[in-house]
Amino acid sequence: MGWIIALVVGGVAGWLASLVMNRDASMGIFWNIVVGCVGSIVGNMIAGPLLGISGSVQEFSITGLIVAVIGAVVLLGVMNLIQRGRVR
């Protein structure tokens, strides 16, 4: 059941991050899930040591969702830098 929750929360986090970064038109549901799940890992790597926050997407919590969205936004920002040379 944890993997299903991780996919749903990852999809929501990826979708919210794509809205924040104005990439919603270029991403489908699959890439929203991928960006959200990878963003959760990135967010936990950032928030864990710096802030002492750990958010797991395998059991739903608001903290986990916020960390996943922040990580996904960072991931999309890095992707924009690589693809276009600037963050939009």
N, C-alpha and C. Protein backbone atom coordinates (compact mmCIF):
# COMPACT_ATOMS: atom_id res chain seq x y z
N MET A 1 0.82 -1.19 0.00
CA MET A 1 0.00 0.00 0.00
C MET A 1 0.86 1.26 0.00
N GLY A 2 2.07 1.18 0.55
CA GLY A 2 2.95 2.33 0.62
C GLY A 2 3.37 2.84 -0.74
N TRP A 3 3.55 1.92 -1.70
CA TRP A 3 3.95 2.34 -3.04
C TRP A 3 2.84 3.09 -3.75
N ILE A 4 1.61 2.70 -3.52
CA ILE A 4 0.47 3.39 -4.13
C ILE A 4 0.39 4.81 -3.59
N ILE A 5 0.55 4.96 -2.28
CA ILE A 5 0.54 6.29 -1.66
C ILE A 5 1.69 7.12 -2.19
N ALA A 6 2.87 6.50 -2.35
CA ALA A 6 4.04 7.22 -2.87
C ALA A 6 3.79 7.71 -4.29
N LEU A 7 3.14 6.91 -5.12
CA LEU A 7 2.84 7.32 -6.49
C LEU A 7 1.81 8.45 -6.54
N VAL A 8 0.79 8.35 -5.70
CA VAL A 8 -0.25 9.39 -5.69
C VAL A 8 0.32 10.71 -5.17
N VAL A 9 1.04 10.66 -4.05
CA VAL A 9 1.64 11.87 -3.49
C VAL A 9 2.69 12.43 -4.45
N GLY A 10 3.47 11.56 -5.07
CA GLY A 10 4.46 12.00 -6.06
C GLY A 10 3.80 12.68 -7.24
N GLY A 11 2.68 12.14 -7.70
CA GLY A 11 1.95 12.76 -8.81
C GLY A 11 1.41 14.13 -8.45
N VAL A 12 0.86 14.25 -7.26
CA VAL A 12 0.34 15.54 -6.81
C VAL A 12 1.48 16.55 -6.65
N ALA A 13 2.59 16.10 -6.05
CA ALA A 13 3.74 16.99 -5.85
C ALA A 13 4.33 17.42 -7.19
N GLY A 14 4.44 16.51 -8.14
CA GLY A 14 4.95 16.86 -9.46
C GLY A 14 4.03 17.81 -10.20
N TRP A 15 2.74 17.60 -10.06
CA TRP A 15 1.78 18.49 -10.70
C TRP A 15 1.84 19.90 -10.11
N LEU A 16 1.90 19.99 -8.77
CA LEU A 16 2.00 21.30 -8.13
C LEU A 16 3.31 22.00 -8.52
N ALA A 17 4.40 21.26 -8.58
CA ALA A 17 5.69 21.84 -8.96
C ALA A 17 5.65 22.30 -10.42
N SER A 18 5.00 21.55 -11.29
CA SER A 18 4.92 21.96 -12.69
C SER A 18 4.06 23.21 -12.85
N LEU A 19 3.06 23.39 -12.00
CA LEU A 19 2.27 24.62 -12.01
C LEU A 19 3.11 25.81 -11.55
N VAL A 20 3.90 25.61 -10.50
CA VAL A 20 4.75 26.67 -9.97
C VAL A 20 5.80 27.09 -11.00
N MET A 21 6.36 26.13 -11.72
CA MET A 21 7.43 26.41 -12.68
C MET A 21 6.92 26.64 -14.11
N ASN A 22 5.61 26.75 -14.30
CA ASN A 22 4.99 27.00 -15.61
C ASN A 22 5.38 25.96 -16.65
N ARG A 23 5.42 24.69 -16.26
CA ARG A 23 5.73 23.60 -17.20
C ARG A 23 4.57 22.63 -17.31
N ASP A 24 3.42 23.03 -16.87
CA ASP A 24 2.28 22.10 -16.82
C ASP A 24 1.86 21.65 -18.21
N ALA A 25 1.97 22.52 -19.20
CA ALA A 25 1.54 22.16 -20.56
C ALA A 25 2.48 21.14 -21.20
N SER A 26 3.74 21.11 -20.78
CA SER A 26 4.70 20.23 -21.44
C SER A 26 4.88 18.89 -20.72
N MET A 27 4.19 18.69 -19.62
CA MET A 27 4.36 17.46 -18.84
C MET A 27 3.03 16.71 -18.77
N GLY A 28 3.12 15.40 -18.87
CA GLY A 28 1.94 14.56 -18.71
C GLY A 28 1.91 13.97 -17.31
N ILE A 29 0.94 13.12 -17.07
CA ILE A 29 0.77 12.54 -15.74
C ILE A 29 1.96 11.65 -15.37
N PHE A 30 2.52 10.92 -16.34
CA PHE A 30 3.66 10.06 -16.05
C PHE A 30 4.85 10.88 -15.56
N TRP A 31 5.16 11.98 -16.27
CA TRP A 31 6.30 12.80 -15.88
C TRP A 31 6.03 13.56 -14.59
N ASN A 32 4.78 13.90 -14.31
CA ASN A 32 4.45 14.51 -13.02
C ASN A 32 4.78 13.55 -11.88
N ILE A 33 4.43 12.27 -12.06
CA ILE A 33 4.71 11.27 -11.03
C ILE A 33 6.22 11.09 -10.86
N VAL A 34 6.94 11.00 -11.98
CA VAL A 34 8.39 10.82 -11.92
C VAL A 34 9.05 12.02 -11.24
N VAL A 35 8.69 13.23 -11.65
CA VAL A 35 9.28 14.43 -11.06
C VAL A 35 8.92 14.54 -9.59
N GLY A 36 7.71 14.20 -9.22
CA GLY A 36 7.29 14.26 -7.82
C GLY A 36 8.04 13.26 -6.95
N CYS A 37 8.21 12.03 -7.43
CA CYS A 37 8.92 11.00 -6.65
C CYS A 37 10.41 11.32 -6.54
N VAL A 38 11.03 11.71 -7.65
CA VAL A 38 12.45 12.09 -7.60
C VAL A 38 12.61 13.38 -6.79
N GLY A 39 11.67 14.29 -6.93
CA GLY A 39 11.69 15.52 -6.15
C GLY A 39 11.57 15.26 -4.66
N SER A 40 10.85 14.24 -4.29
CA SER A 40 10.76 13.86 -2.88
C SER A 40 12.11 13.43 -2.34
N ILE A 41 12.83 12.67 -3.14
CA ILE A 41 14.18 12.25 -2.74
C ILE A 41 15.09 13.45 -2.62
N VAL A 42 15.04 14.35 -3.61
CA VAL A 42 15.86 15.56 -3.57
C VAL A 42 15.47 16.43 -2.38
N GLY A 43 14.18 16.58 -2.15
CA GLY A 43 13.71 17.37 -1.02
C GLY A 43 14.15 16.81 0.32
N ASN A 44 14.12 15.49 0.46
CA ASN A 44 14.58 14.88 1.70
C ASN A 44 16.08 15.04 1.89
N MET A 45 16.84 15.04 0.77
CA MET A 45 18.29 15.26 0.88
C MET A 45 18.59 16.71 1.28
N ILE A 46 17.75 17.65 0.85
CA ILE A 46 17.95 19.05 1.19
C ILE A 46 17.43 19.34 2.61
N ALA A 47 16.21 18.93 2.90
CA ALA A 47 15.57 19.29 4.16
C ALA A 47 16.10 18.49 5.34
N GLY A 48 16.55 17.28 5.10
CA GLY A 48 17.03 16.45 6.20
C GLY A 48 18.21 17.05 6.94
N PRO A 49 19.35 17.21 6.27
CA PRO A 49 20.52 17.74 6.98
C PRO A 49 20.41 19.22 7.34
N LEU A 50 19.78 20.03 6.50
CA LEU A 50 19.74 21.46 6.75
C LEU A 50 18.73 21.85 7.82
N LEU A 51 17.55 21.28 7.75
CA LEU A 51 16.47 21.70 8.63
C LEU A 51 16.07 20.64 9.66
N GLY A 52 16.57 19.45 9.50
CA GLY A 52 16.19 18.37 10.41
C GLY A 52 14.79 17.86 10.17
N ILE A 53 14.26 18.10 8.97
CA ILE A 53 12.91 17.67 8.62
C ILE A 53 13.02 16.42 7.75
N SER A 54 12.23 15.44 8.05
CA SER A 54 12.17 14.27 7.18
C SER A 54 10.72 14.02 6.84
N GLY A 55 10.44 13.96 5.56
CA GLY A 55 9.09 13.70 5.11
C GLY A 55 9.08 12.49 4.20
N SER A 56 8.33 11.49 4.56
CA SER A 56 8.25 10.28 3.75
C SER A 56 6.95 10.31 2.97
N VAL A 57 7.01 9.98 1.68
CA VAL A 57 5.78 9.95 0.91
C VAL A 57 5.11 8.58 0.97
N GLN A 58 5.75 7.61 1.61
CA GLN A 58 5.13 6.29 1.70
C GLN A 58 4.05 6.23 2.76
N GLU A 59 4.06 7.16 3.68
CA GLU A 59 2.92 7.32 4.58
C GLU A 59 2.56 8.79 4.51
N PHE A 60 1.34 9.09 4.18
CA PHE A 60 0.95 10.46 3.85
C PHE A 60 1.07 11.38 5.05
N SER A 61 1.70 12.53 4.80
CA SER A 61 1.74 13.63 5.76
C SER A 61 1.90 14.93 4.98
N ILE A 62 1.43 15.99 5.56
CA ILE A 62 1.55 17.29 4.91
C ILE A 62 3.02 17.68 4.78
N THR A 63 3.82 17.35 5.78
CA THR A 63 5.25 17.65 5.72
C THR A 63 5.90 16.93 4.55
N GLY A 64 5.57 15.67 4.35
CA GLY A 64 6.10 14.91 3.23
C GLY A 64 5.71 15.50 1.89
N LEU A 65 4.47 15.97 1.78
CA LEU A 65 4.01 16.59 0.54
C LEU A 65 4.74 17.89 0.28
N ILE A 66 4.92 18.71 1.31
CA ILE A 66 5.62 19.99 1.15
C ILE A 66 7.07 19.76 0.75
N VAL A 67 7.73 18.80 1.41
CA VAL A 67 9.12 18.48 1.07
C VAL A 67 9.21 17.97 -0.36
N ALA A 68 8.26 17.15 -0.78
CA ALA A 68 8.26 16.63 -2.15
C ALA A 68 8.05 17.74 -3.17
N VAL A 69 7.16 18.68 -2.89
CA VAL A 69 6.91 19.80 -3.81
C VAL A 69 8.15 20.68 -3.91
N ILE A 70 8.79 20.99 -2.79
CA ILE A 70 10.00 21.82 -2.81
C ILE A 70 11.11 21.11 -3.58
N GLY A 71 11.28 19.83 -3.35
CA GLY A 71 12.28 19.07 -4.09
C GLY A 71 11.99 19.02 -5.58
N ALA A 72 10.71 18.88 -5.94
CA ALA A 72 10.33 18.84 -7.35
C ALA A 72 10.54 20.20 -8.02
N VAL A 73 10.28 21.28 -7.29
CA VAL A 73 10.53 22.62 -7.84
C VAL A 73 12.03 22.80 -8.08
N VAL A 74 12.86 22.37 -7.13
CA VAL A 74 14.31 22.45 -7.31
C VAL A 74 14.74 21.61 -8.51
N LEU A 75 14.20 20.42 -8.63
CA LEU A 75 14.53 19.54 -9.75
C LEU A 75 14.13 20.17 -11.09
N LEU A 76 12.94 20.75 -11.17
CA LEU A 76 12.52 21.41 -12.41
C LEU A 76 13.35 22.64 -12.71
N GLY A 77 13.78 23.36 -11.67
CA GLY A 77 14.66 24.51 -11.88
C GLY A 77 16.00 24.10 -12.46
N VAL A 78 16.55 23.00 -11.96
CA VAL A 78 17.81 22.49 -12.49
C VAL A 78 17.62 22.01 -13.93
N MET A 79 16.49 21.35 -14.20
CA MET A 79 16.21 20.91 -15.57
C MET A 79 16.09 22.10 -16.51
N ASN A 80 15.46 23.19 -16.07
CA ASN A 80 15.36 24.40 -16.89
C ASN A 80 16.73 24.99 -17.16
N LEU A 81 17.60 25.00 -16.15
CA LEU A 81 18.95 25.51 -16.35
C LEU A 81 19.71 24.71 -17.38
N ILE A 82 19.57 23.40 -17.33
CA ILE A 82 20.28 22.53 -18.27
C ILE A 82 19.72 22.69 -19.68
N GLN A 83 18.40 22.72 -19.81
CA GLN A 83 17.77 22.77 -21.14
C GLN A 83 17.85 24.14 -21.78
N ARG A 84 17.59 25.19 -21.01
CA ARG A 84 17.46 26.52 -21.61
C ARG A 84 18.54 27.50 -21.18
N GLY A 85 19.30 27.16 -20.18
CA GLY A 85 20.33 28.06 -19.69
C GLY A 85 19.81 29.11 -18.72
N ARG A 86 18.54 29.00 -18.33
CA ARG A 86 17.97 29.96 -17.37
C ARG A 86 16.79 29.31 -16.66
N VAL A 87 16.48 29.82 -15.48
CA VAL A 87 15.29 29.37 -14.75
C VAL A 87 14.17 30.33 -15.08
N ARG A 88 13.01 29.81 -15.49
CA ARG A 88 11.93 30.71 -15.80
C ARG A 88 11.09 30.98 -14.59
